[in-house]
Structure formats: C-alpha cells, structure tokens
C-alpha atoms as a PDB file:
ATOM      1  CA  MET A   1     -17.364  66.871 -22.653  1.00  0.00           C
ATOM      2  CA  SER A   2     -14.399  68.181 -24.470  1.00  0.00           C
ATOM      3  CA  SER A   3     -14.751  69.914 -27.774  1.00  0.00           C
ATOM      4  CA  LEU A   4     -14.244  67.484 -30.733  1.00  0.00           C
ATOM      5  CA  PRO A   5     -14.482  67.698 -34.460  1.00  0.00           C
ATOM      6  CA  VAL A   6     -17.662  68.209 -35.976  1.00  0.00           C
ATOM      7  CA  LEU A   7     -19.072  65.376 -38.134  1.00  0.00           C
ATOM      8  CA  THR A   8     -18.683  65.945 -41.741  1.00  0.00           C
ATOM      9  CA  GLY A   9     -20.927  64.835 -44.560  1.00  0.00           C
ATOM     10  CA  VAL A  10     -24.158  65.049 -42.668  1.00  0.00           C
ATOM     11  CA  PRO A  11     -26.885  67.002 -44.555  1.00  0.00           C
ATOM     12  CA  VAL A  12     -28.652  69.887 -42.801  1.00  0.00           C
ATOM     13  CA  LEU A  13     -32.458  69.648 -43.247  1.00  0.00           C
ATOM     14  CA  GLN A  14     -34.683  72.514 -42.577  1.00  0.00           C
ATOM     15  CA  THR A  15     -38.540  72.806 -42.195  1.00  0.00           C
ATOM     16  CA  PRO A  16     -40.609  75.749 -41.648  1.00  0.00           C
ATOM     17  CA  ARG A  17     -39.760  75.723 -37.772  1.00  0.00           C
ATOM     18  CA  LEU A  18     -36.772  73.355 -37.367  1.00  0.00           C
ATOM     19  CA  VAL A  19     -33.406  72.512 -38.431  1.00  0.00           C
ATOM     20  CA  LEU A  20     -32.066  68.849 -38.302  1.00  0.00           C
ATOM     21  CA  ARG A  21     -28.407  68.580 -38.144  1.00  0.00           C
ATOM     22  CA  ALA A  22     -25.610  66.133 -37.105  1.00  0.00           C
ATOM     23  CA  PRO A  23     -25.283  65.680 -33.332  1.00  0.00           C
ATOM     24  CA  THR A  24     -22.562  67.750 -31.686  1.00  0.00           C
ATOM     25  CA  CYS A  25     -20.861  67.556 -28.314  1.00  0.00           C
ATOM     26  CA  ALA A  26     -22.757  70.863 -27.245  1.00  0.00           C
ATOM     27  CA  ASP A  27     -25.927  68.262 -27.634  1.00  0.00           C
ATOM     28  CA  PHE A  28     -24.679  65.980 -24.855  1.00  0.00           C
ATOM     29  CA  PRO A  29     -26.011  67.752 -21.848  1.00  0.00           C
ATOM     30  CA  ALA A  30     -29.728  67.963 -23.108  1.00  0.00           C
ATOM     31  CA  PHE A  31     -29.527  64.335 -24.211  1.00  0.00           C
ATOM     32  CA  LEU A  32     -27.953  63.235 -21.051  1.00  0.00           C
ATOM     33  CA  SER A  33     -30.745  64.891 -19.177  1.00  0.00           C
ATOM     34  CA  TYR A  34     -33.428  63.305 -21.349  1.00  0.00           C
ATOM     35  CA  SER A  35     -31.874  59.702 -21.051  1.00  0.00           C
ATOM     36  CA  MET A  36     -31.361  59.864 -17.204  1.00  0.00           C
ATOM     37  CA  SER A  37     -35.093  61.130 -16.999  1.00  0.00           C
ATOM     38  CA  GLN A  38     -38.567  59.242 -16.936  1.00  0.00           C
ATOM     39  CA  ARG A  39     -38.871  60.740 -20.285  1.00  0.00           C
ATOM     40  CA  SER A  40     -36.675  57.771 -21.844  1.00  0.00           C
ATOM     41  CA  ARG A  41     -38.928  55.048 -20.403  1.00  0.00           C
ATOM     42  CA  PHE A  42     -40.291  54.016 -23.813  1.00  0.00           C
ATOM     43  CA  VAL A  43     -36.965  53.487 -25.255  1.00  0.00           C
ATOM     44  CA  GLY A  44     -35.140  51.497 -22.525  1.00  0.00           C
ATOM     45  CA  GLY A  45     -34.388  54.328 -19.828  1.00  0.00           C
ATOM     46  CA  PRO A  46     -33.760  55.933 -17.650  1.00  0.00           C
ATOM     47  CA  LYS A  47     -30.078  55.398 -18.349  1.00  0.00           C
ATOM     48  CA  PRO A  48     -27.229  55.820 -15.825  1.00  0.00           C
ATOM     49  CA  ARG A  49     -24.573  58.532 -17.255  1.00  0.00           C
ATOM     50  CA  HIS A  50     -22.174  56.075 -18.633  1.00  0.00           C
ATOM     51  CA  ALA A  51     -24.819  54.191 -20.712  1.00  0.00           C
ATOM     52  CA  ALA A  52     -26.163  57.622 -22.123  1.00  0.00           C
ATOM     53  CA  PHE A  53     -22.617  58.690 -23.258  1.00  0.00           C
ATOM     54  CA  GLU A  54     -22.266  55.429 -25.024  1.00  0.00           C
ATOM     55  CA  LYS A  55     -25.536  55.977 -26.649  1.00  0.00           C
ATOM     56  CA  PHE A  56     -24.782  59.443 -27.943  1.00  0.00           C
ATOM     57  CA  ALA A  57     -21.511  58.274 -28.842  1.00  0.00           C
ATOM     58  CA  GLY A  58     -23.141  55.374 -30.921  1.00  0.00           C
ATOM     59  CA  MET A  59     -25.424  58.001 -32.481  1.00  0.00           C
ATOM     60  CA  MET A  60     -22.538  60.170 -33.798  1.00  0.00           C
ATOM     61  CA  GLY A  61     -20.475  56.947 -34.925  1.00  0.00           C
ATOM     62  CA  HIS A  62     -23.579  55.769 -36.888  1.00  0.00           C
ATOM     63  CA  TRP A  63     -23.341  58.136 -39.571  1.00  0.00           C
ATOM     64  CA  ALA A  64     -19.718  57.216 -40.121  1.00  0.00           C
ATOM     65  CA  LEU A  65     -20.473  53.369 -40.154  1.00  0.00           C
ATOM     66  CA  ARG A  66     -24.109  53.523 -42.186  1.00  0.00           C
ATOM     67  CA  GLY A  67     -23.691  57.022 -44.278  1.00  0.00           C
ATOM     68  CA  PHE A  68     -27.116  57.940 -42.379  1.00  0.00           C
ATOM     69  CA  GLY A  69     -28.156  58.234 -38.867  1.00  0.00           C
ATOM     70  CA  ARG A  70     -30.112  60.317 -36.600  1.00  0.00           C
ATOM     71  CA  PHE A  71     -30.225  64.108 -36.890  1.00  0.00           C
ATOM     72  CA  VAL A  72     -30.578  66.517 -33.840  1.00  0.00           C
ATOM     73  CA  ILE A  73     -33.946  68.424 -34.028  1.00  0.00           C
ATOM     74  CA  THR A  74     -33.370  72.259 -33.245  1.00  0.00           C
ATOM     75  CA  ASP A  75     -35.459  74.903 -33.065  1.00  0.00           C
ATOM     76  CA  ARG A  76     -34.867  77.263 -36.267  1.00  0.00           C
ATOM     77  CA  THR A  77     -35.140  80.486 -34.125  1.00  0.00           C
ATOM     78  CA  SER A  78     -33.421  79.656 -30.991  1.00  0.00           C
ATOM     79  CA  GLY A  79     -31.116  77.004 -32.011  1.00  0.00           C
ATOM     80  CA  GLU A  80     -32.217  74.688 -28.814  1.00  0.00           C
ATOM     81  CA  ALA A  81     -31.871  71.045 -29.103  1.00  0.00           C
ATOM     82  CA  LEU A  82     -35.181  69.542 -28.975  1.00  0.00           C
ATOM     83  CA  GLY A  83     -34.606  65.877 -29.568  1.00  0.00           C
ATOM     84  CA  HIS A  84     -33.500  63.426 -32.386  1.00  0.00           C
ATOM     85  CA  VAL A  85     -35.016  61.888 -35.317  1.00  0.00           C
ATOM     86  CA  GLY A  86     -33.817  59.634 -38.149  1.00  0.00           C
ATOM     87  CA  PRO A  87     -33.069  56.053 -39.308  1.00  0.00           C
ATOM     88  CA  LEU A  88     -30.908  53.736 -37.120  1.00  0.00           C
ATOM     89  CA  GLN A  89     -29.737  50.405 -38.260  1.00  0.00           C
ATOM     90  CA  LEU A  90     -27.855  48.268 -35.586  1.00  0.00           C
ATOM     91  CA  ASP A  91     -27.922  45.181 -37.449  1.00  0.00           C
ATOM     92  CA  ASP A  92     -27.275  44.474 -41.589  1.00  0.00           C
ATOM     93  CA  ALA A  93     -29.979  41.480 -41.253  1.00  0.00           C
ATOM     94  CA  VAL A  94     -32.347  43.994 -39.984  1.00  0.00           C
ATOM     95  CA  LEU A  95     -34.357  46.816 -41.697  1.00  0.00           C
ATOM     96  CA  PRO A  96     -33.669  50.490 -40.400  1.00  0.00           C
ATOM     97  CA  GLU A  97     -35.756  51.772 -37.392  1.00  0.00           C
ATOM     98  CA  LEU A  98     -37.294  55.141 -37.822  1.00  0.00           C
ATOM     99  CA  THR A  99     -36.874  57.225 -34.493  1.00  0.00           C
ATOM    100  CA  TRP A 100     -38.333  60.370 -33.339  1.00  0.00           C
ATOM    101  CA  PRO A 101     -37.986  61.045 -29.436  1.00  0.00           C
ATOM    102  CA  LEU A 102     -38.520  64.444 -28.096  1.00  0.00           C
ATOM    103  CA  TRP A 103     -35.700  65.238 -25.299  1.00  0.00           C
ATOM    104  CA  SER A 104     -38.195  67.479 -23.043  1.00  0.00           C
ATOM    105  CA  GLU A 105     -41.864  67.944 -22.042  1.00  0.00           C
ATOM    106  CA  ALA A 106     -41.782  71.452 -23.196  1.00  0.00           C
ATOM    107  CA  ALA A 107     -41.338  70.392 -26.786  1.00  0.00           C
ATOM    108  CA  GLU A 108     -44.303  67.922 -26.740  1.00  0.00           C
ATOM    109  CA  GLY A 109     -47.623  68.902 -28.220  1.00  0.00           C
ATOM    110  CA  LYS A 110     -46.489  71.392 -30.807  1.00  0.00           C
ATOM    111  CA  GLY A 111     -45.944  68.986 -34.046  1.00  0.00           C
ATOM    112  CA  PHE A 112     -42.262  68.984 -33.886  1.00  0.00           C
ATOM    113  CA  ALA A 113     -41.785  65.466 -33.770  1.00  0.00           C
ATOM    114  CA  HIS A 114     -44.127  64.692 -36.863  1.00  0.00           C
ATOM    115  CA  GLU A 115     -42.368  67.922 -38.617  1.00  0.00           C
ATOM    116  CA  ALA A 116     -38.793  66.574 -38.099  1.00  0.00           C
ATOM    117  CA  ALA A 117     -39.854  62.959 -38.801  1.00  0.00           C
ATOM    118  CA  GLN A 118     -41.664  63.787 -42.039  1.00  0.00           C
ATOM    119  CA  ALA A 119     -38.573  65.635 -43.225  1.00  0.00           C
ATOM    120  CA  ALA A 120     -35.953  62.886 -41.873  1.00  0.00           C
ATOM    121  CA  ASN A 121     -37.909  60.058 -43.423  1.00  0.00           C
ATOM    122  CA  SER A 122     -38.256  61.888 -46.818  1.00  0.00           C
ATOM    123  CA  TRP A 123     -34.545  62.549 -46.841  1.00  0.00           C
ATOM    124  CA  PHE A 124     -34.046  58.972 -46.030  1.00  0.00           C
ATOM    125  CA  PHE A 125     -36.186  57.243 -48.433  1.00  0.00           C
ATOM    126  CA  GLY A 126     -35.376  59.592 -51.150  1.00  0.00           C
ATOM    127  CA  SER A 127     -31.615  59.602 -50.958  1.00  0.00           C
ATOM    128  CA  SER A 128     -30.629  55.884 -49.464  1.00  0.00           C
ATOM    129  CA  GLY A 129     -32.169  53.847 -52.045  1.00  0.00           C
ATOM    130  CA  CYS A 130     -33.982  51.899 -49.192  1.00  0.00           C
ATOM    131  CA  LYS A 131     -37.426  51.268 -50.082  1.00  0.00           C
ATOM    132  CA  GLU A 132     -38.747  49.974 -46.521  1.00  0.00           C
ATOM    133  CA  ALA A 133     -38.162  50.688 -42.689  1.00  0.00           C
ATOM    134  CA  MET A 134     -39.738  49.835 -39.458  1.00  0.00           C
ATOM    135  CA  ALA A 135     -40.469  51.661 -36.089  1.00  0.00           C
ATOM    136  CA  GLU A 136     -40.893  49.884 -32.820  1.00  0.00           C
ATOM    137  CA  VAL A 137     -42.891  51.770 -30.499  1.00  0.00           C
ATOM    138  CA  GLN A 138     -43.578  50.252 -26.776  1.00  0.00           C
ATOM    139  CA  ARG A 139     -47.243  49.435 -26.388  1.00  0.00           C
ATOM    140  CA  ASP A 140     -48.207  52.290 -23.766  1.00  0.00           C
ATOM    141  CA  ASN A 141     -46.534  55.164 -25.653  1.00  0.00           C
ATOM    142  CA  ARG A 142     -49.988  56.328 -27.328  1.00  0.00           C
ATOM    143  CA  ARG A 143     -48.356  59.742 -28.722  1.00  0.00           C
ATOM    144  CA  SER A 144     -45.695  57.775 -30.828  1.00  0.00           C
ATOM    145  CA  HIS A 145     -48.444  55.358 -31.913  1.00  0.00           C
ATOM    146  CA  ALA A 146     -50.247  57.930 -33.283  1.00  0.00           C
ATOM    147  CA  LEU A 147     -47.064  59.641 -34.661  1.00  0.00           C
ATOM    148  CA  ALA A 148     -46.180  56.076 -36.732  1.00  0.00           C
ATOM    149  CA  GLU A 149     -49.550  55.939 -37.967  1.00  0.00           C
ATOM    150  CA  ARG A 150     -49.638  59.804 -39.308  1.00  0.00           C
ATOM    151  CA  LEU A 151     -46.252  59.111 -41.039  1.00  0.00           C
ATOM    152  CA  GLY A 152     -47.788  56.447 -42.941  1.00  0.00           C
ATOM    153  CA  GLY A 153     -46.641  53.250 -40.741  1.00  0.00           C
ATOM    154  CA  ILE A 154     -48.831  50.202 -40.520  1.00  0.00           C
ATOM    155  CA  VAL A 155     -48.687  47.724 -37.931  1.00  0.00           C
ATOM    156  CA  TRP A 156     -46.735  44.778 -39.147  1.00  0.00           C
ATOM    157  CA  THR A 157     -48.047  41.786 -37.207  1.00  0.00           C
ATOM    158  CA  ASP A 158     -46.150  39.173 -39.226  1.00  0.00           C
ATOM    159  CA  GLY A 159     -42.939  41.330 -39.485  1.00  0.00           C
ATOM    160  CA  PRO A 160     -39.675  40.994 -37.592  1.00  0.00           C
ATOM    161  CA  ARG A 161     -39.309  40.858 -33.800  1.00  0.00           C
ATOM    162  CA  GLY A 162     -38.158  43.839 -32.204  1.00  0.00           C
ATOM    163  CA  TRP A 163     -35.961  44.442 -29.275  1.00  0.00           C
ATOM    164  CA  MET A 164     -38.643  45.455 -26.792  1.00  0.00           C
ATOM    165  CA  GLU A 165     -40.990  42.717 -25.102  1.00  0.00           C
ATOM    166  CA  ASP A 166     -43.881  44.660 -25.261  1.00  0.00           C
ATOM    167  CA  GLY A 167     -43.321  46.713 -28.705  1.00  0.00           C
ATOM    168  CA  VAL A 168     -45.338  47.091 -31.421  1.00  0.00           C
ATOM    169  CA  ILE A 169     -43.693  47.179 -34.905  1.00  0.00           C
ATOM    170  CA  TYR A 170     -44.962  49.566 -37.754  1.00  0.00           C
ATOM    171  CA  ARG A 171     -43.674  49.094 -41.537  1.00  0.00           C
ATOM    172  CA  PHE A 172     -42.814  52.076 -43.628  1.00  0.00           C
ATOM    173  CA  ARG A 173     -42.636  51.870 -47.251  1.00  0.00           C
ATOM    174  CA  ALA A 174     -41.155  54.510 -49.243  1.00  0.00           C
ATOM    175  CA  GLU A 175     -44.174  54.655 -51.721  1.00  0.00           C
ATOM    176  CA  ASP A 176     -46.578  55.175 -48.459  1.00  0.00           C
ATOM    177  CA  CYS A 177     -44.636  58.160 -47.235  1.00  0.00           C
ATOM    178  CA  ASP A 178     -44.652  61.692 -48.171  1.00  0.00           C
ATOM    179  CA  ILE A 179     -41.225  61.928 -50.079  1.00  0.00           C
ATOM    180  CA  VAL A 180     -40.068  65.370 -50.750  1.00  0.00           C
ATOM    181  CA  THR A 181     -37.497  65.474 -53.802  1.00  0.00           C
END
C-alpha cells in the first residue's frame, strides 16, 4: 500500500495504556491479517484481501463522510496497532453502531477493548450530540457480550433489526455511559 496523506481532524484519545488515533496506511497489514483470519468470524469474516481493503478504506473514509468514526487502538508504549474502536453509521436511518474488535489473540484478556471502548464511547457521546447508539454482537461471541454489558449496554429486544442473522442488539444511552468531559 502506498503512502497516502494522513487523515486530518481526527482527535487523538489517550488512556493510561493506549492511544486511539486515526487509521493510517501503515495499519493495513495488521488489519488485513485480522480480516483474513478466523478472528473476524464474528463480524462477517474471514474476508478476501480485496474485501478487507474495501472495509479498511471505508473505515478511513467514514471520518470524512460523518465527522466521526473508528479509531485504531495502539499500545501507548510500543505503538503497535491492536484493533479498532468507535462508532460506525452506514445508514442515516439507523443509530450509530459502537464497535471494538481486537486484531490479534495476543491483545485479548488484558482489558484493552474495555479501556479503548470506554474512551471512544465517552468521546462520541460527549462530542457528537448523539444521545443513543447500538452495538450488534454475534450470538456466540461471549467476550463481546460481556463487554457490551460492562460498557452499559442493555439488550434491546424490541429495537432495530441488525445486519447479522444471529446478532443481539445492545442499546447504549449517553446518560447510562460513563462520559468523561
């Protein structure tokens, strides 16, 4: 992937162990590895290279189209890209969806997804004016269900239908989430 201009206007969020920043071309190899692996099975993967590229390009372009989007989660010390986190909204008629996948098994079990999602959700609700969002979690993804609940999500049985046949929708309200201002 060639070197392209860096996204501008994307905030950088910092937590005690992480930096959340705009996706860059240098992140694509790690994202590609994740997208082509079984790790992505809960979000429609594995995907072929061209579909992974298209999704990554969409992640970058989302910021320009919506003014918000997904951050790349990086280790504050090493700078290693660990995953992505943040809101996604593909349709104006549907609430933004909160996301938090980690790209490698080595990043799991350390609280990185929780730390990153708390920061991203707080930023989103605190800066966008949006008062409500959702997350769709594949029925068998127990870790993601636990995280959704830990972040303040409530199973939304009478809410919108998601894109997954076997997905569970969680509703998030700004007033129920820990907003750091």
